[in-house]
Amino acid sequence: MEFGVGSILDGKVTGITKFGAFVALPEGRSGLVHISEIAYSYVNEVSDHLKEGQEVKVKVIGIDQANRINLSIKKVSEPPPRPAGGQGGRPNRQGQAPRQQGGPRSGGFAPRAAANKEPTDFEDRLRQFMQASDSKLSELRYLEKKGGNRRGGGRR
């Protein structure tokens, strides 16, 4: 039985690492399920979701030039429906389109109200990280323009 990208196979977890899990496949082959391909929810510890010896259904999502097989458990099934309160392109309170993430920030600092709630999924965590990162970068650029050097040594 030859399999390729897109094939759905039955496998058995043979090893767990901090970055994913190795799965034994038919024909004596094996592949890796990266931590990001285990579940649609955030996966902090692979061992919270998988155990050695566990039977799993996997989808082949890639085979590289070295014949290493990349697998996904989450892509075997449809993603869960998004909660009704998600950002998904809905207008904000003023009826405007949502701001594009990652672009230049105008007007200084971001509101802190959203930072107090705990993010619920990967997208919320990523959005929170990007906002904090943008804020830190803006502050660093401002300090560079002022000529302030926080390290104290300066260049000679």
C-alpha atoms as a PDB file:
ATOM      1  CA  MET A   1       0.000   0.000   0.000  1.00  0.00           C
ATOM      2  CA  GLU A   2       1.702   3.198  -1.170  1.00  0.00           C
ATOM      3  CA  PHE A   3       0.553   6.388   0.520  1.00  0.00           C
ATOM      4  CA  GLY A   4       1.137  10.042  -0.250  1.00  0.00           C
ATOM      5  CA  VAL A   5       0.148  13.522   0.834  1.00  0.00           C
ATOM      6  CA  GLY A   6      -3.530  13.577   1.751  1.00  0.00           C
ATOM      7  CA  SER A   7      -3.705   9.905   2.786  1.00  0.00           C
ATOM      8  CA  ILE A   8      -5.444   9.124   6.062  1.00  0.00           C
ATOM      9  CA  LEU A   9      -3.848   6.238   7.930  1.00  0.00           C
ATOM     10  CA  ASP A  10      -4.062   4.366  11.214  1.00  0.00           C
ATOM     11  CA  GLY A  11      -0.912   4.550  13.306  1.00  0.00           C
ATOM     12  CA  LYS A  12       0.464   3.981  16.766  1.00  0.00           C
ATOM     13  CA  VAL A  13       2.319   6.553  18.881  1.00  0.00           C
ATOM     14  CA  THR A  14       5.852   5.243  19.443  1.00  0.00           C
ATOM     15  CA  GLY A  15       7.538   8.229  21.035  1.00  0.00           C
ATOM     16  CA  ILE A  16       6.720  11.602  22.559  1.00  0.00           C
ATOM     17  CA  THR A  17       9.016  14.643  22.526  1.00  0.00           C
ATOM     18  CA  LYS A  18       8.488  18.250  23.554  1.00  0.00           C
ATOM     19  CA  PHE A  19       7.967  19.196  19.879  1.00  0.00           C
ATOM     20  CA  GLY A  20       5.615  16.394  18.831  1.00  0.00           C
ATOM     21  CA  ALA A  21       5.040  12.651  18.616  1.00  0.00           C
ATOM     22  CA  PHE A  22       6.439   9.904  16.427  1.00  0.00           C
ATOM     23  CA  VAL A  23       3.869   7.564  14.916  1.00  0.00           C
ATOM     24  CA  ALA A  24       4.452   4.090  13.443  1.00  0.00           C
ATOM     25  CA  LEU A  25       2.693   3.705  10.087  1.00  0.00           C
ATOM     26  CA  PRO A  26       1.938   0.754   7.782  1.00  0.00           C
ATOM     27  CA  GLU A  27       4.815  -0.818   5.804  1.00  0.00           C
ATOM     28  CA  GLY A  28       7.224  -0.279   8.718  1.00  0.00           C
ATOM     29  CA  ARG A  29       7.401   3.468   8.120  1.00  0.00           C
ATOM     30  CA  SER A  30       7.055   6.228  10.696  1.00  0.00           C
ATOM     31  CA  GLY A  31       6.290   9.917  10.741  1.00  0.00           C
ATOM     32  CA  LEU A  32       6.160  12.934  13.021  1.00  0.00           C
ATOM     33  CA  VAL A  33       3.091  14.773  14.253  1.00  0.00           C
ATOM     34  CA  HIS A  34       4.369  18.254  15.147  1.00  0.00           C
ATOM     35  CA  ILE A  35       2.921  19.767  18.338  1.00  0.00           C
ATOM     36  CA  SER A  36       1.012  22.301  16.208  1.00  0.00           C
ATOM     37  CA  GLU A  37      -0.761  19.463  14.356  1.00  0.00           C
ATOM     38  CA  ILE A  38      -2.062  17.561  17.396  1.00  0.00           C
ATOM     39  CA  ALA A  39      -5.216  19.536  18.193  1.00  0.00           C
ATOM     40  CA  TYR A  40      -7.107  22.634  17.129  1.00  0.00           C
ATOM     41  CA  SER A  41      -6.760  23.960  20.678  1.00  0.00           C
ATOM     42  CA  TYR A  42      -3.467  25.183  22.186  1.00  0.00           C
ATOM     43  CA  VAL A  43      -1.159  22.279  23.064  1.00  0.00           C
ATOM     44  CA  ASN A  44       1.320  23.072  25.831  1.00  0.00           C
ATOM     45  CA  GLU A  45       2.395  19.496  26.595  1.00  0.00           C
ATOM     46  CA  VAL A  46       2.199  16.722  24.009  1.00  0.00           C
ATOM     47  CA  SER A  47       1.764  14.164  26.808  1.00  0.00           C
ATOM     48  CA  ASP A  48      -1.501  15.863  27.832  1.00  0.00           C
ATOM     49  CA  HIS A  49      -3.010  14.778  24.490  1.00  0.00           C
ATOM     50  CA  LEU A  50      -1.153  11.587  23.486  1.00  0.00           C
ATOM     51  CA  LYS A  51       0.344   8.537  25.188  1.00  0.00           C
ATOM     52  CA  GLU A  52       2.865   6.014  23.872  1.00  0.00           C
ATOM     53  CA  GLY A  53       1.091   2.984  22.416  1.00  0.00           C
ATOM     54  CA  GLN A  54      -2.063   4.983  21.649  1.00  0.00           C
ATOM     55  CA  GLU A  55      -3.755   4.195  18.321  1.00  0.00           C
ATOM     56  CA  VAL A  56      -4.341   7.360  16.269  1.00  0.00           C
ATOM     57  CA  LYS A  57      -5.728   8.325  12.877  1.00  0.00           C
ATOM     58  CA  VAL A  58      -3.319  10.619  11.016  1.00  0.00           C
ATOM     59  CA  LYS A  59      -3.276  12.510   7.738  1.00  0.00           C
ATOM     60  CA  VAL A  60      -0.082  12.742   5.682  1.00  0.00           C
ATOM     61  CA  ILE A  61       0.496  16.481   5.181  1.00  0.00           C
ATOM     62  CA  GLY A  62       3.972  16.324   3.697  1.00  0.00           C
ATOM     63  CA  ILE A  63       6.888  14.158   2.644  1.00  0.00           C
ATOM     64  CA  ASP A  64      10.209  15.974   2.347  1.00  0.00           C
ATOM     65  CA  GLN A  65      13.208  15.196   0.111  1.00  0.00           C
ATOM     66  CA  ALA A  66      14.719  12.994   2.824  1.00  0.00           C
ATOM     67  CA  ASN A  67      11.462  10.930   2.799  1.00  0.00           C
ATOM     68  CA  ARG A  68      10.503  12.128   6.290  1.00  0.00           C
ATOM     69  CA  ILE A  69       6.736  11.991   6.706  1.00  0.00           C
ATOM     70  CA  ASN A  70       4.919  14.924   8.312  1.00  0.00           C
ATOM     71  CA  LEU A  71       1.592  13.988   9.878  1.00  0.00           C
ATOM     72  CA  SER A  72      -1.436  15.731  11.346  1.00  0.00           C
ATOM     73  CA  ILE A  73      -3.995  14.428  13.808  1.00  0.00           C
ATOM     74  CA  LYS A  74      -6.151  17.540  13.802  1.00  0.00           C
ATOM     75  CA  LYS A  75      -6.610  17.601  10.013  1.00  0.00           C
ATOM     76  CA  VAL A  76      -8.280  14.184  10.064  1.00  0.00           C
ATOM     77  CA  SER A  77     -11.439  15.896  11.342  1.00  0.00           C
ATOM     78  CA  GLU A  78     -13.157  19.193  10.649  1.00  0.00           C
ATOM     79  CA  PRO A  79     -12.195  22.133  12.893  1.00  0.00           C
ATOM     80  CA  PRO A  80     -14.632  22.892  15.708  1.00  0.00           C
ATOM     81  CA  PRO A  81     -17.009  25.801  15.059  1.00  0.00           C
ATOM     82  CA  ARG A  82     -15.642  29.179  16.137  1.00  0.00           C
ATOM     83  CA  PRO A  83     -17.365  30.833  19.105  1.00  0.00           C
ATOM     84  CA  ALA A  84     -19.904  33.523  18.220  1.00  0.00           C
ATOM     85  CA  GLY A  85     -17.783  36.215  19.926  1.00  0.00           C
ATOM     86  CA  GLY A  86     -14.730  35.697  17.663  1.00  0.00           C
ATOM     87  CA  GLN A  87     -13.043  38.522  15.735  1.00  0.00           C
ATOM     88  CA  GLY A  88     -13.583  36.885  12.298  1.00  0.00           C
ATOM     89  CA  GLY A  89     -13.864  40.112  10.295  1.00  0.00           C
ATOM     90  CA  ARG A  90     -16.827  41.601  12.133  1.00  0.00           C
ATOM     91  CA  PRO A  91     -16.948  45.399  12.445  1.00  0.00           C
ATOM     92  CA  ASN A  92     -15.835  47.039  15.683  1.00  0.00           C
ATOM     93  CA  ARG A  93     -18.030  49.219  17.919  1.00  0.00           C
ATOM     94  CA  GLN A  94     -17.896  52.250  15.628  1.00  0.00           C
ATOM     95  CA  GLY A  95     -19.001  50.186  12.615  1.00  0.00           C
ATOM     96  CA  GLN A  96     -15.537  50.291  11.063  1.00  0.00           C
ATOM     97  CA  ALA A  97     -13.618  47.363   9.627  1.00  0.00           C
ATOM     98  CA  PRO A  98     -11.148  45.727  12.040  1.00  0.00           C
ATOM     99  CA  ARG A  99      -7.566  47.058  12.038  1.00  0.00           C
ATOM    100  CA  GLN A 100      -5.047  44.969  10.104  1.00  0.00           C
ATOM    101  CA  GLN A 101      -2.674  43.189  12.481  1.00  0.00           C
ATOM    102  CA  GLY A 102       1.062  43.733  12.194  1.00  0.00           C
ATOM    103  CA  GLY A 103       0.876  47.121  10.468  1.00  0.00           C
ATOM    104  CA  PRO A 104       2.195  50.400  11.817  1.00  0.00           C
ATOM    105  CA  ARG A 105       0.397  51.626  14.882  1.00  0.00           C
ATOM    106  CA  SER A 106      -1.042  55.139  14.890  1.00  0.00           C
ATOM    107  CA  GLY A 107      -1.926  57.048  17.988  1.00  0.00           C
ATOM    108  CA  GLY A 108       0.445  55.529  20.542  1.00  0.00           C
ATOM    109  CA  PHE A 109      -0.601  52.931  23.067  1.00  0.00           C
ATOM    110  CA  ALA A 110      -3.068  50.054  22.793  1.00  0.00           C
ATOM    111  CA  PRO A 111      -5.942  49.785  25.282  1.00  0.00           C
ATOM    112  CA  ARG A 112      -5.160  47.582  28.271  1.00  0.00           C
ATOM    113  CA  ALA A 113      -8.674  46.157  28.814  1.00  0.00           C
ATOM    114  CA  ALA A 114      -8.104  43.166  26.519  1.00  0.00           C
ATOM    115  CA  ALA A 115      -4.756  42.329  28.154  1.00  0.00           C
ATOM    116  CA  ASN A 116      -6.396  41.473  31.485  1.00  0.00           C
ATOM    117  CA  LYS A 117      -8.499  38.578  30.197  1.00  0.00           C
ATOM    118  CA  GLU A 118      -6.812  35.219  29.682  1.00  0.00           C
ATOM    119  CA  PRO A 119      -6.614  34.252  25.966  1.00  0.00           C
ATOM    120  CA  THR A 120      -8.756  31.240  25.125  1.00  0.00           C
ATOM    121  CA  ASP A 121      -7.298  29.958  21.878  1.00  0.00           C
ATOM    122  CA  PHE A 122      -4.172  30.219  19.734  1.00  0.00           C
ATOM    123  CA  GLU A 123      -5.493  33.143  17.685  1.00  0.00           C
ATOM    124  CA  ASP A 124      -6.208  35.165  20.854  1.00  0.00           C
ATOM    125  CA  ARG A 125      -2.754  34.349  22.253  1.00  0.00           C
ATOM    126  CA  LEU A 126      -1.116  35.321  18.957  1.00  0.00           C
ATOM    127  CA  ARG A 127      -3.131  38.557  18.760  1.00  0.00           C
ATOM    128  CA  GLN A 128      -2.122  39.435  22.337  1.00  0.00           C
ATOM    129  CA  PHE A 129       1.535  38.667  21.589  1.00  0.00           C
ATOM    130  CA  MET A 130       1.471  40.806  18.422  1.00  0.00           C
ATOM    131  CA  GLN A 131      -0.062  43.742  20.298  1.00  0.00           C
ATOM    132  CA  ALA A 132       2.557  43.532  23.058  1.00  0.00           C
ATOM    133  CA  SER A 133       5.316  43.180  20.464  1.00  0.00           C
ATOM    134  CA  ASP A 134       4.082  46.209  18.494  1.00  0.00           C
ATOM    135  CA  SER A 135       3.970  48.238  21.687  1.00  0.00           C
ATOM    136  CA  LYS A 136       7.523  47.268  22.675  1.00  0.00           C
ATOM    137  CA  LEU A 137       8.864  47.991  19.188  1.00  0.00           C
ATOM    138  CA  SER A 138       7.177  51.402  19.161  1.00  0.00           C
ATOM    139  CA  GLU A 139       8.748  52.231  22.509  1.00  0.00           C
ATOM    140  CA  LEU A 140      12.208  51.138  21.320  1.00  0.00           C
ATOM    141  CA  ARG A 141      11.908  53.189  18.117  1.00  0.00           C
ATOM    142  CA  TYR A 142      10.855  56.217  20.157  1.00  0.00           C
ATOM    143  CA  LEU A 143      13.860  55.833  22.472  1.00  0.00           C
ATOM    144  CA  GLU A 144      16.206  55.466  19.470  1.00  0.00           C
ATOM    145  CA  LYS A 145      14.830  58.687  17.927  1.00  0.00           C
ATOM    146  CA  LYS A 146      15.387  60.536  21.202  1.00  0.00           C
ATOM    147  CA  GLY A 147      18.958  59.261  21.270  1.00  0.00           C
ATOM    148  CA  GLY A 148      18.463  57.576  24.605  1.00  0.00           C
ATOM    149  CA  ASN A 149      20.557  54.482  25.199  1.00  0.00           C
ATOM    150  CA  ARG A 150      19.158  52.312  27.989  1.00  0.00           C
ATOM    151  CA  ARG A 151      22.291  50.203  28.190  1.00  0.00           C
ATOM    152  CA  GLY A 152      24.434  53.092  29.333  1.00  0.00           C
ATOM    153  CA  GLY A 153      27.652  52.193  27.517  1.00  0.00           C
ATOM    154  CA  GLY A 154      27.093  53.718  24.095  1.00  0.00           C
ATOM    155  CA  ARG A 155      29.295  53.238  21.040  1.00  0.00           C
ATOM    156  CA  ARG A 156      32.886  54.439  20.866  1.00  0.00           C
END
